[in-house]
C-alpha atoms as a PDB file:
ATOM      1  CA  MET A   1      -5.885  14.323   7.879  1.00  0.00           C
ATOM      2  CA  SER A   2      -4.116  10.527   7.387  1.00  0.00           C
ATOM      3  CA  ILE A   3      -4.710   9.221   4.053  1.00  0.00           C
ATOM      4  CA  THR A   4      -4.918   5.596   3.199  1.00  0.00           C
ATOM      5  CA  ILE A   5      -4.872   3.964   0.019  1.00  0.00           C
ATOM      6  CA  ASN A   6      -5.694   0.936  -1.099  1.00  0.00           C
ATOM      7  CA  ILE A   7      -3.792  -0.729  -4.643  1.00  0.00           C
ATOM      8  CA  LEU A   8      -4.617  -4.078  -5.069  1.00  0.00           C
ATOM      9  CA  TYR A   9      -1.633  -5.744  -7.972  1.00  0.00           C
ATOM     10  CA  THR A  10      -3.141  -8.305  -9.679  1.00  0.00           C
ATOM     11  CA  GLY A  11      -0.769 -10.515 -11.862  1.00  0.00           C
ATOM     12  CA  LYS A  12      -0.361 -13.961 -14.059  1.00  0.00           C
ATOM     13  CA  ASN A  13       1.048 -16.627 -12.376  1.00  0.00           C
ATOM     14  CA  GLN A  14       1.117 -15.414  -8.787  1.00  0.00           C
ATOM     15  CA  SER A  15       3.624 -12.601  -9.835  1.00  0.00           C
ATOM     16  CA  ALA A  16       1.816 -10.294  -7.124  1.00  0.00           C
ATOM     17  CA  ARG A  17       3.486 -12.535  -4.011  1.00  0.00           C
ATOM     18  CA  LYS A  18       6.521 -12.512  -5.457  1.00  0.00           C
ATOM     19  CA  PHE A  19       6.480  -8.835  -5.519  1.00  0.00           C
ATOM     20  CA  ALA A  20       5.607  -8.909  -2.295  1.00  0.00           C
ATOM     21  CA  LYS A  21       7.667 -10.929  -1.354  1.00  0.00           C
ATOM     22  CA  GLU A  22      10.618  -9.368  -3.132  1.00  0.00           C
ATOM     23  CA  MET A  23       9.155  -6.440  -1.080  1.00  0.00           C
ATOM     24  CA  ILE A  24       9.988  -7.141   2.067  1.00  0.00           C
ATOM     25  CA  LYS A  25      13.361 -10.353   0.946  1.00  0.00           C
ATOM     26  CA  ARG A  26      14.929  -6.425  -0.188  1.00  0.00           C
ATOM     27  CA  GLY A  27      13.786  -4.301   2.884  1.00  0.00           C
ATOM     28  CA  ILE A  28      11.973  -2.284   1.177  1.00  0.00           C
ATOM     29  CA  VAL A  29       8.902  -2.495   3.240  1.00  0.00           C
ATOM     30  CA  ASP A  30      10.662  -1.748   6.285  1.00  0.00           C
ATOM     31  CA  LYS A  31      12.575   0.719   5.146  1.00  0.00           C
ATOM     32  CA  ILE A  32       9.000   2.930   3.341  1.00  0.00           C
ATOM     33  CA  LYS A  33       7.387   1.285   7.329  1.00  0.00           C
ATOM     34  CA  ASN A  34      10.758   3.660   8.502  1.00  0.00           C
ATOM     35  CA  THR A  35      10.560   6.815   6.505  1.00  0.00           C
ATOM     36  CA  LYS A  36       8.758   9.870   8.055  1.00  0.00           C
ATOM     37  CA  GLY A  37       5.167  10.241   8.138  1.00  0.00           C
ATOM     38  CA  ASN A  38       4.684   6.799   7.633  1.00  0.00           C
ATOM     39  CA  LEU A  39       1.316   4.693   9.553  1.00  0.00           C
ATOM     40  CA  ARG A  40       1.165   2.471   8.111  1.00  0.00           C
ATOM     41  CA  TYR A  41       2.414  -0.581   5.116  1.00  0.00           C
ATOM     42  CA  GLU A  42       1.143  -4.062   5.398  1.00  0.00           C
ATOM     43  CA  TYR A  43       0.389  -6.269   2.300  1.00  0.00           C
ATOM     44  CA  PHE A  44      -2.938  -8.940   2.695  1.00  0.00           C
ATOM     45  CA  PHE A  45      -3.486 -11.829   0.153  1.00  0.00           C
ATOM     46  CA  PRO A  46      -7.235 -12.409  -0.683  1.00  0.00           C
ATOM     47  CA  LEU A  47      -8.120 -16.109   0.247  1.00  0.00           C
ATOM     48  CA  LYS A  48     -10.254 -16.699  -2.695  1.00  0.00           C
ATOM     49  CA  ASP A  49      -7.683 -14.628  -5.610  1.00  0.00           C
ATOM     50  CA  LYS A  50      -4.820 -16.246  -5.682  1.00  0.00           C
ATOM     51  CA  GLU A  51      -3.147 -13.730  -8.251  1.00  0.00           C
ATOM     52  CA  SER A  52      -4.009 -10.665  -6.689  1.00  0.00           C
ATOM     53  CA  VAL A  53      -2.070  -8.918  -3.472  1.00  0.00           C
ATOM     54  CA  LEU A  54      -4.400  -6.034  -1.051  1.00  0.00           C
ATOM     55  CA  LEU A  55      -1.536  -3.405  -0.042  1.00  0.00           C
ATOM     56  CA  ILE A  56      -2.934  -0.447   2.602  1.00  0.00           C
ATOM     57  CA  ASP A  57      -0.751   2.313   2.946  1.00  0.00           C
ATOM     58  CA  SER A  58      -1.082   5.138   5.389  1.00  0.00           C
ATOM     59  CA  TRP A  59       0.359   8.203   5.866  1.00  0.00           C
ATOM     60  CA  GLU A  60       0.106  11.223   8.262  1.00  0.00           C
ATOM     61  CA  ASN A  61      -0.296  14.127   5.466  1.00  0.00           C
ATOM     62  CA  GLN A  62      -0.179  14.942   1.832  1.00  0.00           C
ATOM     63  CA  GLU A  63       3.441  16.311   2.179  1.00  0.00           C
ATOM     64  CA  ALA A  64       4.388  12.749   3.443  1.00  0.00           C
ATOM     65  CA  LEU A  65       3.289  11.059   0.982  1.00  0.00           C
ATOM     66  CA  ASP A  66       4.602  12.813  -1.831  1.00  0.00           C
ATOM     67  CA  ARG A  67       8.198  12.874   0.163  1.00  0.00           C
ATOM     68  CA  HIS A  68       7.589   8.855  -1.011  1.00  0.00           C
ATOM     69  CA  HIS A  69       6.402   9.238  -4.622  1.00  0.00           C
ATOM     70  CA  ALA A  70       9.469  11.631  -4.614  1.00  0.00           C
ATOM     71  CA  SER A  71      11.759   9.261  -3.673  1.00  0.00           C
ATOM     72  CA  SER A  72      14.018   6.429  -4.840  1.00  0.00           C
ATOM     73  CA  THR A  73      12.234   3.632  -2.958  1.00  0.00           C
ATOM     74  CA  MET A  74       8.834   4.649  -4.625  1.00  0.00           C
ATOM     75  CA  GLU A  75      11.725   4.088  -8.292  1.00  0.00           C
ATOM     76  CA  GLU A  76      12.026   0.772  -6.946  1.00  0.00           C
ATOM     77  CA  ILE A  77       8.568   0.027  -6.160  1.00  0.00           C
ATOM     78  CA  ALA A  78       8.657   1.035  -9.682  1.00  0.00           C
ATOM     79  CA  MET A  79      10.975  -1.108 -10.623  1.00  0.00           C
ATOM     80  CA  LEU A  80       9.428  -4.335  -9.564  1.00  0.00           C
ATOM     81  CA  ARG A  81       5.708  -3.488 -10.614  1.00  0.00           C
ATOM     82  CA  GLU A  82       7.730  -3.731 -14.641  1.00  0.00           C
ATOM     83  CA  LYS A  83       9.409  -6.771 -13.486  1.00  0.00           C
ATOM     84  CA  TYR A  84       6.253  -8.803 -12.471  1.00  0.00           C
ATOM     85  CA  ASP A  85       3.829  -6.929 -14.792  1.00  0.00           C
ATOM     86  CA  LEU A  86       2.006  -6.009 -12.722  1.00  0.00           C
ATOM     87  CA  HIS A  87      -1.864  -4.494 -13.028  1.00  0.00           C
ATOM     88  CA  MET A  88      -3.416  -1.670 -10.200  1.00  0.00           C
ATOM     89  CA  ASP A  89      -6.418  -0.349  -8.886  1.00  0.00           C
ATOM     90  CA  VAL A  90      -5.734   2.432  -6.576  1.00  0.00           C
ATOM     91  CA  LYS A  91      -8.326   3.338  -4.497  1.00  0.00           C
ATOM     92  CA  SER A  92      -7.470   6.658  -1.745  1.00  0.00           C
ATOM     93  CA  PHE A  93      -8.915   7.761   1.182  1.00  0.00           C
ATOM     94  CA  ILE A  94      -9.070  10.780   3.571  1.00  0.00           C
ATOM     95  CA  GLU A  95      -9.596   9.610   6.669  1.00  0.00           C
ATOM     96  CA  ASP A  96     -10.568  11.498   9.673  1.00  0.00           C
ATOM     97  CA  ASN A  97     -13.745  12.419   8.273  1.00  0.00           C
ATOM     98  CA  ILE A  98     -15.998   9.771   9.782  1.00  0.00           C
ATOM     99  CA  SER A  99     -19.188  11.155  10.775  1.00  0.00           C
ATOM    100  CA  GLU A 100     -21.178  11.446  14.328  1.00  0.00           C
ATOM    101  CA  ASN A 101     -24.130   9.189  13.074  1.00  0.00           C
ATOM    102  CA  ASP A 102     -21.489   6.960  11.407  1.00  0.00           C
ATOM    103  CA  LYS A 103     -19.456   6.541  14.311  1.00  0.00           C
ATOM    104  CA  LYS A 104     -21.775   5.240  16.768  1.00  0.00           C
ATOM    105  CA  PHE A 105     -21.770   1.795  14.377  1.00  0.00           C
ATOM    106  CA  ILE A 106     -18.101   1.214  15.083  1.00  0.00           C
ATOM    107  CA  ARG A 107     -16.223  -1.443  17.591  1.00  0.00           C
ATOM    108  CA  LYS A 108     -13.177  -0.576  19.462  1.00  0.00           C
END
């Protein structure tokens, strides 16, 4: 079962957006996207909240996520989080467990 993690980064003076831009500029985002087991790594910017950035991060399974967390890339991310003094609200979801009843409401 795949795992999706939503991380809402929040800071001051648009530091969350600066963080996301630096992640992209340094090539960290591309490195993560090319990591075995990564399904998605994408930033979204709330229209009414200039101080937050939402990251949607998906992995094939827990083992792939654990490898990512143990990587040197994760150390780079942690350093940038500190640099931009970001706070995080994290939600994790195990996918592929949508009930048959709920599936009838999903339009693909």
